[in-house]
């Protein structure tokens, strides 16, 4: 389980890193050509993007709490920590959907829009996978495999990686604009 999640994290990191590199190249080219990267009339709501970044502190704490509880055979606390992890993950997905709504940007509205939805859409997909991973981990652990805490450790490792990935996306896409 840990090897599989580790390989998935490496692949995810390489994919997001490559997409952010293309974003930076397109941004530099657009600024050199037109003097601006962000389309006219489009503003990026900064409060929900900053709240998403802060939410990953909670996600990582809850993920580690689940590991701590699983290693001590505390099924109740492990279940609660996994549920909290999934719930905060859903809140981050909701905040990203709010950003999409507030920006009012169509996916075919130019290079910025295509790149923005490509990168943030991948992030949304990774978040959905994380929430599903939380549910699978909870069902598997609570369902009777209390001595198999490896899945809970892999679950926490996945969320740590998503936190790092979002920090990079947050800085490149939302801060530097």
N, C-alpha and C. Protein backbone atom coordinates (compact mmCIF):
# COMPACT_ATOMS: atom_id res chain seq x y z
N UNK A 1 0.83 -1.19 0.00
CA UNK A 1 0.00 0.00 0.00
C UNK A 1 0.87 1.26 0.00
N UNK A 2 1.88 1.28 0.86
CA UNK A 2 2.73 2.46 0.92
C UNK A 2 3.53 2.68 -0.36
N UNK A 3 3.98 1.59 -0.97
CA UNK A 3 4.73 1.72 -2.22
C UNK A 3 3.82 2.26 -3.32
N UNK A 4 2.61 1.75 -3.41
CA UNK A 4 1.66 2.22 -4.42
C UNK A 4 1.32 3.68 -4.24
N UNK A 5 1.05 4.09 -3.02
CA UNK A 5 0.74 5.49 -2.76
C UNK A 5 1.97 6.36 -3.03
N UNK A 6 3.14 5.89 -2.68
CA UNK A 6 4.36 6.66 -2.95
C UNK A 6 4.57 6.86 -4.44
N UNK A 7 4.35 5.83 -5.22
CA UNK A 7 4.47 5.97 -6.67
C UNK A 7 3.42 6.92 -7.23
N UNK A 8 2.22 6.84 -6.70
CA UNK A 8 1.16 7.76 -7.13
C UNK A 8 1.52 9.20 -6.78
N UNK A 9 2.13 9.40 -5.62
CA UNK A 9 2.53 10.75 -5.21
C UNK A 9 3.61 11.29 -6.13
N UNK A 10 4.56 10.45 -6.49
CA UNK A 10 5.62 10.88 -7.41
C UNK A 10 5.01 11.27 -8.76
N UNK A 11 4.11 10.45 -9.27
CA UNK A 11 3.47 10.75 -10.55
C UNK A 11 2.65 12.04 -10.46
N UNK A 12 1.91 12.21 -9.37
CA UNK A 12 1.09 13.40 -9.18
C UNK A 12 1.98 14.65 -9.10
N UNK A 13 3.07 14.55 -8.38
CA UNK A 13 3.98 15.68 -8.23
C UNK A 13 4.60 16.06 -9.57
N UNK A 14 4.99 15.07 -10.33
CA UNK A 14 5.58 15.35 -11.64
C UNK A 14 4.56 15.99 -12.58
N UNK A 15 3.32 15.49 -12.56
CA UNK A 15 2.28 16.05 -13.42
C UNK A 15 1.98 17.49 -13.06
N UNK A 16 1.76 17.75 -11.78
CA UNK A 16 1.45 19.11 -11.36
C UNK A 16 2.65 20.03 -11.58
N UNK A 17 3.84 19.54 -11.30
CA UNK A 17 5.04 20.35 -11.55
C UNK A 17 5.19 20.73 -13.01
N UNK A 18 4.93 19.77 -13.90
CA UNK A 18 4.99 20.06 -15.33
C UNK A 18 3.93 21.06 -15.75
N UNK A 19 2.72 20.91 -15.20
CA UNK A 19 1.66 21.86 -15.55
C UNK A 19 1.97 23.26 -15.04
N UNK A 20 2.55 23.35 -13.84
CA UNK A 20 2.92 24.66 -13.31
C UNK A 20 4.06 25.28 -14.11
N UNK A 21 4.96 24.46 -14.63
CA UNK A 21 6.03 24.98 -15.48
C UNK A 21 5.46 25.55 -16.78
N UNK A 22 4.51 24.84 -17.38
CA UNK A 22 3.86 25.36 -18.59
C UNK A 22 3.09 26.63 -18.28
N UNK A 23 2.41 26.67 -17.11
CA UNK A 23 1.70 27.88 -16.68
C UNK A 23 2.67 29.06 -16.62
N UNK A 24 3.82 28.85 -15.99
CA UNK A 24 4.81 29.93 -15.84
C UNK A 24 5.33 30.39 -17.19
N UNK A 25 5.56 29.45 -18.09
CA UNK A 25 6.04 29.80 -19.42
C UNK A 25 4.97 30.61 -20.17
N UNK A 26 3.72 30.16 -20.14
CA UNK A 26 2.63 30.87 -20.81
C UNK A 26 2.42 32.26 -20.20
N UNK A 27 2.54 32.35 -18.88
CA UNK A 27 2.38 33.63 -18.19
C UNK A 27 3.47 34.61 -18.62
N UNK A 28 4.70 34.14 -18.65
CA UNK A 28 5.82 35.00 -19.06
C UNK A 28 5.66 35.46 -20.50
N UNK A 29 5.26 34.56 -21.36
CA UNK A 29 5.06 34.91 -22.77
C UNK A 29 3.94 35.92 -22.93
N UNK A 30 2.83 35.72 -22.22
CA UNK A 30 1.70 36.66 -22.32
C UNK A 30 2.07 38.03 -21.79
N UNK A 31 2.82 38.07 -20.71
CA UNK A 31 3.23 39.37 -20.16
C UNK A 31 4.19 40.07 -21.10
N UNK A 32 5.09 39.31 -21.72
CA UNK A 32 6.00 39.92 -22.69
C UNK A 32 5.27 40.45 -23.92
N UNK A 33 4.25 39.71 -24.36
CA UNK A 33 3.52 40.09 -25.58
C UNK A 33 2.50 41.20 -25.33
N UNK A 34 1.67 41.05 -24.31
CA UNK A 34 0.55 41.98 -24.10
C UNK A 34 0.67 42.82 -22.84
N UNK A 35 1.57 42.47 -21.96
CA UNK A 35 1.71 43.22 -20.72
C UNK A 35 0.82 42.74 -19.59
N UNK A 36 -0.03 41.76 -19.87
CA UNK A 36 -0.92 41.24 -18.83
C UNK A 36 -1.17 39.75 -19.05
N UNK A 37 -1.46 39.05 -17.99
CA UNK A 37 -1.76 37.61 -18.07
C UNK A 37 -3.22 37.37 -17.71
N UNK A 38 -3.69 38.05 -16.70
CA UNK A 38 -5.08 37.90 -16.26
C UNK A 38 -6.00 38.63 -17.23
N UNK A 39 -7.03 37.95 -17.75
CA UNK A 39 -7.95 38.61 -18.68
C UNK A 39 -8.67 39.79 -18.03
N UNK A 40 -9.06 40.76 -18.86
CA UNK A 40 -9.77 41.93 -18.37
C UNK A 40 -11.08 41.53 -17.72
N UNK A 41 -11.39 42.13 -16.59
CA UNK A 41 -12.64 41.89 -15.90
C UNK A 41 -12.65 40.65 -15.03
N UNK A 42 -11.57 39.91 -15.00
CA UNK A 42 -11.50 38.70 -14.18
C UNK A 42 -10.69 38.99 -12.93
N UNK A 43 -11.29 38.72 -11.79
CA UNK A 43 -10.57 38.84 -10.52
C UNK A 43 -10.58 37.49 -9.83
N UNK A 44 -9.48 37.18 -9.22
CA UNK A 44 -9.35 35.92 -8.49
C UNK A 44 -9.70 36.19 -7.03
N UNK A 45 -10.74 35.53 -6.51
CA UNK A 45 -11.08 35.74 -5.10
C UNK A 45 -10.00 35.12 -4.20
N UNK A 46 -9.34 35.97 -3.43
CA UNK A 46 -8.21 35.52 -2.65
C UNK A 46 -8.59 34.88 -1.32
N UNK A 47 -9.70 35.30 -0.74
CA UNK A 47 -10.06 34.75 0.57
C UNK A 47 -10.31 33.24 0.51
N UNK A 48 -11.14 32.74 -0.41
CA UNK A 48 -11.33 31.28 -0.42
C UNK A 48 -10.06 30.50 -0.77
N UNK A 49 -9.20 31.07 -1.60
CA UNK A 49 -7.96 30.35 -1.93
C UNK A 49 -7.03 30.29 -0.72
N UNK A 50 -7.00 31.35 0.07
CA UNK A 50 -6.20 31.35 1.29
C UNK A 50 -6.79 30.42 2.34
N UNK A 51 -8.11 30.39 2.43
CA UNK A 51 -8.77 29.48 3.37
C UNK A 51 -8.50 28.03 2.99
N UNK A 52 -8.48 27.73 1.68
CA UNK A 52 -8.16 26.37 1.25
C UNK A 52 -6.76 25.99 1.70
N UNK A 53 -5.81 26.92 1.59
CA UNK A 53 -4.45 26.64 2.03
C UNK A 53 -4.41 26.36 3.53
N UNK A 54 -5.13 27.14 4.30
CA UNK A 54 -5.16 26.93 5.75
C UNK A 54 -5.88 25.64 6.11
N UNK A 55 -6.85 25.25 5.31
CA UNK A 55 -7.59 24.01 5.59
C UNK A 55 -6.69 22.78 5.53
N UNK A 56 -5.63 22.86 4.76
CA UNK A 56 -4.72 21.72 4.67
C UNK A 56 -3.97 21.47 5.97
N UNK A 57 -3.85 22.48 6.81
CA UNK A 57 -3.27 22.25 8.14
C UNK A 57 -4.19 21.30 8.91
N UNK A 58 -5.49 21.58 8.86
CA UNK A 58 -6.45 20.70 9.53
C UNK A 58 -6.47 19.31 8.93
N UNK A 59 -6.42 19.23 7.62
CA UNK A 59 -6.44 17.92 6.96
C UNK A 59 -5.24 17.10 7.40
N UNK A 60 -4.07 17.71 7.44
CA UNK A 60 -2.87 16.98 7.85
C UNK A 60 -2.93 16.58 9.33
N UNK A 61 -3.46 17.46 10.17
CA UNK A 61 -3.61 17.11 11.59
C UNK A 61 -4.58 15.95 11.75
N UNK A 62 -5.72 16.00 11.05
CA UNK A 62 -6.69 14.92 11.16
C UNK A 62 -6.13 13.61 10.60
N UNK A 63 -5.39 13.70 9.51
CA UNK A 63 -4.77 12.50 8.94
C UNK A 63 -3.78 11.88 9.91
N UNK A 64 -2.98 12.72 10.56
CA UNK A 64 -2.01 12.19 11.53
C UNK A 64 -2.72 11.68 12.79
N UNK A 65 -3.80 12.30 13.16
CA UNK A 65 -4.58 11.81 14.30
C UNK A 65 -5.13 10.42 14.00
N UNK A 66 -5.56 10.20 12.78
CA UNK A 66 -6.04 8.87 12.39
C UNK A 66 -4.91 7.84 12.50
N UNK A 67 -3.70 8.20 12.09
CA UNK A 67 -2.55 7.29 12.21
C UNK A 67 -2.26 7.01 13.68
N UNK A 68 -2.24 8.05 14.48
CA UNK A 68 -1.98 7.91 15.91
C UNK A 68 -2.99 6.97 16.55
N UNK A 69 -4.26 7.17 16.23
CA UNK A 69 -5.32 6.34 16.80
C UNK A 69 -5.26 4.91 16.29
N UNK A 70 -4.97 4.74 15.01
CA UNK A 70 -4.91 3.39 14.44
C UNK A 70 -3.77 2.59 15.05
N UNK A 71 -2.65 3.23 15.30
CA UNK A 71 -1.51 2.52 15.89
C UNK A 71 -1.78 2.11 17.33
N UNK A 72 -2.75 2.74 17.96
CA UNK A 72 -3.11 2.41 19.33
C UNK A 72 -4.42 1.62 19.42
N UNK A 73 -4.88 1.14 18.27
CA UNK A 73 -6.13 0.35 18.17
C UNK A 73 -7.33 1.08 18.75
N UNK A 74 -7.38 2.37 18.55
CA UNK A 74 -8.50 3.19 19.01
C UNK A 74 -9.42 3.44 17.81
N UNK A 75 -10.34 2.53 17.61
CA UNK A 75 -11.19 2.56 16.42
C UNK A 75 -12.09 3.79 16.38
N UNK A 76 -12.60 4.22 17.51
CA UNK A 76 -13.50 5.37 17.54
C UNK A 76 -12.83 6.65 17.11
N UNK A 77 -11.66 6.93 17.67
CA UNK A 77 -10.95 8.15 17.30
C UNK A 77 -10.43 8.08 15.87
N UNK A 78 -10.01 6.90 15.45
CA UNK A 78 -9.54 6.76 14.06
C UNK A 78 -10.68 7.05 13.09
N UNK A 79 -11.86 6.52 13.38
CA UNK A 79 -13.02 6.76 12.52
C UNK A 79 -13.39 8.23 12.49
N UNK A 80 -13.37 8.87 13.64
CA UNK A 80 -13.70 10.29 13.70
C UNK A 80 -12.68 11.14 12.95
N UNK A 81 -11.40 10.81 13.10
CA UNK A 81 -10.35 11.55 12.40
C UNK A 81 -10.46 11.37 10.89
N UNK A 82 -10.76 10.16 10.44
CA UNK A 82 -10.94 9.92 9.01
C UNK A 82 -12.15 10.68 8.47
N UNK A 83 -13.22 10.71 9.25
CA UNK A 83 -14.41 11.45 8.84
C UNK A 83 -14.12 12.95 8.77
N UNK A 84 -13.37 13.46 9.74
CA UNK A 84 -13.01 14.89 9.72
C UNK A 84 -12.12 15.20 8.53
N UNK A 85 -11.21 14.31 8.20
CA UNK A 85 -10.34 14.51 7.03
C UNK A 85 -11.17 14.61 5.76
N UNK A 86 -12.10 13.67 5.60
CA UNK A 86 -12.95 13.68 4.41
C UNK A 86 -13.84 14.93 4.37
N UNK A 87 -14.36 15.32 5.53
CA UNK A 87 -15.24 16.48 5.58
C UNK A 87 -14.50 17.76 5.19
N UNK A 88 -13.31 17.96 5.74
CA UNK A 88 -12.54 19.16 5.39
C UNK A 88 -12.13 19.10 3.91
N UNK A 89 -11.85 17.90 3.40
CA UNK A 89 -11.59 17.75 1.97
C UNK A 89 -12.78 18.20 1.14
N UNK A 90 -13.98 17.85 1.56
CA UNK A 90 -15.18 18.30 0.86
C UNK A 90 -15.33 19.83 0.94
N UNK A 91 -14.95 20.40 2.06
CA UNK A 91 -15.01 21.86 2.20
C UNK A 91 -14.04 22.54 1.23
N UNK A 92 -12.87 21.95 1.03
CA UNK A 92 -11.90 22.51 0.08
C UNK A 92 -12.46 22.42 -1.34
N UNK A 93 -13.09 21.30 -1.67
CA UNK A 93 -13.71 21.15 -2.99
C UNK A 93 -14.79 22.22 -3.18
N UNK A 94 -15.58 22.46 -2.15
CA UNK A 94 -16.62 23.48 -2.22
C UNK A 94 -16.01 24.88 -2.40
N UNK A 95 -14.92 25.15 -1.72
CA UNK A 95 -14.27 26.46 -1.86
C UNK A 95 -13.74 26.65 -3.28
N UNK A 96 -13.19 25.58 -3.87
CA UNK A 96 -12.70 25.69 -5.25
C UNK A 96 -13.87 25.93 -6.22
N UNK A 97 -14.99 25.27 -5.97
CA UNK A 97 -16.17 25.50 -6.81
C UNK A 97 -16.65 26.95 -6.67
N UNK A 98 -16.55 27.51 -5.48
CA UNK A 98 -16.91 28.90 -5.26
C UNK A 98 -15.99 29.83 -6.06
N UNK A 99 -14.69 29.50 -6.09
CA UNK A 99 -13.74 30.30 -6.87
C UNK A 99 -14.13 30.28 -8.33
N UNK A 100 -14.48 29.10 -8.84
CA UNK A 100 -14.92 29.01 -10.24
C UNK A 100 -16.13 29.91 -10.49
N UNK A 101 -17.10 29.86 -9.59
CA UNK A 101 -18.32 30.64 -9.76
C UNK A 101 -18.03 32.14 -9.71
N UNK A 102 -17.22 32.56 -8.76
CA UNK A 102 -16.95 33.98 -8.60
C UNK A 102 -16.12 34.56 -9.75
N UNK A 103 -15.24 33.75 -10.32
CA UNK A 103 -14.41 34.27 -11.41
C UNK A 103 -15.23 34.48 -12.67
N UNK A 104 -16.24 33.67 -12.91
CA UNK A 104 -17.08 33.83 -14.09
C UNK A 104 -16.32 33.67 -15.39
N UNK A 105 -15.36 32.81 -15.40
CA UNK A 105 -14.48 32.62 -16.55
C UNK A 105 -14.88 31.34 -17.29
N UNK A 106 -15.08 31.46 -18.59
CA UNK A 106 -15.39 30.29 -19.39
C UNK A 106 -14.13 29.53 -19.73
N UNK A 107 -14.26 28.24 -19.90
CA UNK A 107 -13.08 27.41 -20.15
C UNK A 107 -12.44 27.73 -21.50
N UNK A 108 -13.21 28.25 -22.41
CA UNK A 108 -12.67 28.57 -23.75
C UNK A 108 -12.39 30.06 -23.93
N UNK A 109 -12.18 30.75 -22.83
CA UNK A 109 -11.94 32.19 -22.88
C UNK A 109 -10.46 32.55 -23.02
N UNK A 110 -9.70 31.72 -23.66
CA UNK A 110 -8.29 32.03 -23.92
C UNK A 110 -7.33 31.11 -23.20
N UNK A 111 -6.06 31.45 -23.35
CA UNK A 111 -5.00 30.62 -22.79
C UNK A 111 -5.05 30.59 -21.27
N UNK A 112 -5.29 31.75 -20.66
CA UNK A 112 -5.36 31.80 -19.20
C UNK A 112 -6.44 30.86 -18.69
N UNK A 113 -7.61 30.92 -19.27
CA UNK A 113 -8.73 30.09 -18.81
C UNK A 113 -8.42 28.61 -18.99
N UNK A 114 -7.86 28.25 -20.13
CA UNK A 114 -7.54 26.84 -20.36
C UNK A 114 -6.51 26.34 -19.36
N UNK A 115 -5.49 27.13 -19.12
CA UNK A 115 -4.46 26.74 -18.16
C UNK A 115 -5.02 26.72 -16.74
N UNK A 116 -5.83 27.72 -16.40
CA UNK A 116 -6.40 27.80 -15.06
C UNK A 116 -7.26 26.58 -14.76
N UNK A 117 -8.18 26.27 -15.67
CA UNK A 117 -9.06 25.13 -15.45
C UNK A 117 -8.32 23.80 -15.54
N UNK A 118 -7.26 23.74 -16.35
CA UNK A 118 -6.47 22.52 -16.42
C UNK A 118 -5.79 22.21 -15.10
N UNK A 119 -5.14 23.21 -14.52
CA UNK A 119 -4.42 22.99 -13.26
C UNK A 119 -5.36 22.83 -12.08
N UNK A 120 -6.32 23.73 -11.96
CA UNK A 120 -7.23 23.63 -10.82
C UNK A 120 -8.19 22.46 -10.96
N UNK A 121 -8.52 22.08 -12.19
CA UNK A 121 -9.35 20.89 -12.40
C UNK A 121 -8.62 19.63 -11.98
N UNK A 122 -7.32 19.56 -12.26
CA UNK A 122 -6.52 18.44 -11.79
C UNK A 122 -6.48 18.42 -10.27
N UNK A 123 -6.32 19.59 -9.67
CA UNK A 123 -6.35 19.67 -8.21
C UNK A 123 -7.68 19.16 -7.65
N UNK A 124 -8.78 19.55 -8.29
CA UNK A 124 -10.10 19.08 -7.85
C UNK A 124 -10.19 17.56 -7.96
N UNK A 125 -9.68 17.01 -9.04
CA UNK A 125 -9.68 15.55 -9.20
C UNK A 125 -8.88 14.89 -8.10
N UNK A 126 -7.72 15.44 -7.77
CA UNK A 126 -6.90 14.88 -6.70
C UNK A 126 -7.61 14.98 -5.35
N UNK A 127 -8.36 16.03 -5.14
CA UNK A 127 -9.13 16.18 -3.90
C UNK A 127 -10.25 15.14 -3.83
N UNK A 128 -10.93 14.92 -4.94
CA UNK A 128 -11.99 13.91 -4.97
C UNK A 128 -11.41 12.53 -4.69
N UNK A 129 -10.26 12.24 -5.29
CA UNK A 129 -9.59 10.96 -5.02
C UNK A 129 -9.25 10.86 -3.53
N UNK A 130 -8.80 11.95 -2.93
CA UNK A 130 -8.48 11.96 -1.51
C UNK A 130 -9.69 11.70 -0.63
N UNK A 131 -10.82 12.29 -0.97
CA UNK A 131 -12.04 12.06 -0.19
C UNK A 131 -12.48 10.60 -0.32
N UNK A 132 -12.40 10.07 -1.54
CA UNK A 132 -12.75 8.66 -1.74
C UNK A 132 -11.76 7.76 -0.98
N UNK A 133 -10.48 8.12 -1.00
CA UNK A 133 -9.47 7.37 -0.25
C UNK A 133 -9.79 7.40 1.24
N UNK A 134 -10.26 8.53 1.75
CA UNK A 134 -10.66 8.61 3.16
C UNK A 134 -11.81 7.67 3.46
N UNK A 135 -12.79 7.63 2.56
CA UNK A 135 -13.93 6.74 2.76
C UNK A 135 -13.51 5.27 2.71
N UNK A 136 -12.68 4.91 1.75
CA UNK A 136 -12.21 3.52 1.64
C UNK A 136 -11.39 3.14 2.86
N UNK A 137 -10.54 4.06 3.30
CA UNK A 137 -9.73 3.79 4.50
C UNK A 137 -10.61 3.60 5.71
N UNK A 138 -11.61 4.44 5.86
CA UNK A 138 -12.52 4.31 7.01
C UNK A 138 -13.27 2.99 6.97
N UNK A 139 -13.84 2.64 5.82
CA UNK A 139 -14.59 1.39 5.74
C UNK A 139 -13.68 0.18 5.97
N UNK A 140 -12.49 0.25 5.44
CA UNK A 140 -11.58 -0.89 5.60
C UNK A 140 -11.09 -1.00 7.04
N UNK A 141 -10.72 0.10 7.63
CA UNK A 141 -10.21 0.06 9.00
C UNK A 141 -11.32 -0.25 10.00
N UNK A 142 -12.42 0.43 9.87
CA UNK A 142 -13.52 0.24 10.82
C UNK A 142 -14.19 -1.12 10.61
N UNK A 143 -14.12 -1.62 9.38
CA UNK A 143 -14.75 -2.89 9.05
C UNK A 143 -14.09 -4.11 9.67
N UNK A 144 -13.02 -3.94 10.41
CA UNK A 144 -12.44 -5.07 11.11
C UNK A 144 -10.95 -5.24 10.93
N UNK A 145 -10.34 -4.51 10.06
CA UNK A 145 -8.90 -4.66 9.87
C UNK A 145 -8.15 -3.63 10.72
N UNK A 146 -8.38 -3.71 12.02
CA UNK A 146 -7.81 -2.72 12.93
C UNK A 146 -6.31 -2.92 13.12
N UNK A 147 -5.79 -4.08 12.84
CA UNK A 147 -4.36 -4.32 13.01
C UNK A 147 -3.58 -3.99 11.74
N UNK A 148 -4.28 -3.61 10.68
CA UNK A 148 -3.64 -3.23 9.43
C UNK A 148 -3.67 -1.70 9.33
N UNK A 149 -2.73 -1.06 10.00
CA UNK A 149 -2.73 0.40 10.01
C UNK A 149 -1.96 0.98 8.82
N UNK A 150 -1.45 0.13 7.95
CA UNK A 150 -0.69 0.62 6.80
C UNK A 150 -1.54 1.49 5.89
N UNK A 151 -2.80 1.14 5.71
CA UNK A 151 -3.66 1.95 4.84
C UNK A 151 -3.89 3.33 5.45
N UNK A 152 -3.94 3.41 6.77
CA UNK A 152 -4.14 4.71 7.42
C UNK A 152 -2.89 5.56 7.26
N UNK A 153 -1.73 4.95 7.33
CA UNK A 153 -0.48 5.68 7.10
C UNK A 153 -0.40 6.15 5.65
N UNK A 154 -0.76 5.29 4.72
CA UNK A 154 -0.77 5.66 3.30
C UNK A 154 -1.75 6.79 3.05
N UNK A 155 -2.89 6.74 3.71
CA UNK A 155 -3.90 7.80 3.61
C UNK A 155 -3.33 9.14 4.05
N UNK A 156 -2.66 9.15 5.20
CA UNK A 156 -2.06 10.40 5.70
C UNK A 156 -0.97 10.90 4.75
N UNK A 157 -0.16 9.98 4.23
CA UNK A 157 0.90 10.35 3.29
C UNK A 157 0.32 11.01 2.04
N UNK A 158 -0.80 10.47 1.54
CA UNK A 158 -1.45 11.05 0.37
C UNK A 158 -1.88 12.49 0.66
N UNK A 159 -2.49 12.71 1.82
CA UNK A 159 -2.96 14.05 2.14
C UNK A 159 -1.81 15.02 2.36
N UNK A 160 -0.69 14.55 2.92
CA UNK A 160 0.48 15.42 3.05
C UNK A 160 0.95 15.87 1.67
N UNK A 161 0.97 14.94 0.74
CA UNK A 161 1.41 15.27 -0.62
C UNK A 161 0.45 16.26 -1.28
N UNK A 162 -0.84 16.06 -1.09
CA UNK A 162 -1.82 16.99 -1.66
C UNK A 162 -1.64 18.39 -1.06
N UNK A 163 -1.30 18.46 0.22
CA UNK A 163 -1.06 19.76 0.85
C UNK A 163 0.12 20.47 0.19
N UNK A 164 1.18 19.74 -0.08
CA UNK A 164 2.34 20.34 -0.74
C UNK A 164 1.99 20.76 -2.17
N UNK A 165 1.25 19.91 -2.87
CA UNK A 165 0.84 20.23 -4.24
C UNK A 165 -0.02 21.50 -4.25
N UNK A 166 -0.97 21.59 -3.32
CA UNK A 166 -1.81 22.78 -3.31
C UNK A 166 -1.01 24.02 -2.94
N UNK A 167 -0.03 23.90 -2.06
CA UNK A 167 0.79 25.06 -1.73
C UNK A 167 1.49 25.59 -2.98
N UNK A 168 1.97 24.69 -3.83
CA UNK A 168 2.60 25.11 -5.08
C UNK A 168 1.58 25.74 -6.02
N UNK A 169 0.42 25.11 -6.15
CA UNK A 169 -0.64 25.66 -7.01
C UNK A 169 -1.08 27.02 -6.48
N UNK A 170 -1.26 27.11 -5.19
CA UNK A 170 -1.68 28.37 -4.57
C UNK A 170 -0.71 29.48 -4.90
N UNK A 171 0.59 29.22 -4.74
CA UNK A 171 1.58 30.26 -4.98
C UNK A 171 1.66 30.65 -6.46
N UNK A 172 1.73 29.66 -7.34
CA UNK A 172 1.93 29.95 -8.76
C UNK A 172 0.66 30.50 -9.41
N UNK A 173 -0.48 29.88 -9.13
CA UNK A 173 -1.72 30.25 -9.83
C UNK A 173 -2.44 31.40 -9.15
N UNK A 174 -2.55 31.35 -7.82
CA UNK A 174 -3.37 32.34 -7.13
C UNK A 174 -2.60 33.57 -6.62
N UNK A 175 -1.35 33.40 -6.26
CA UNK A 175 -0.60 34.54 -5.72
C UNK A 175 0.06 35.34 -6.84
N UNK A 176 0.81 34.66 -7.71
CA UNK A 176 1.52 35.39 -8.75
C UNK A 176 0.60 35.85 -9.87
N UNK A 177 -0.52 35.20 -10.05
CA UNK A 177 -1.52 35.54 -11.06
C UNK A 177 -0.85 35.85 -12.37
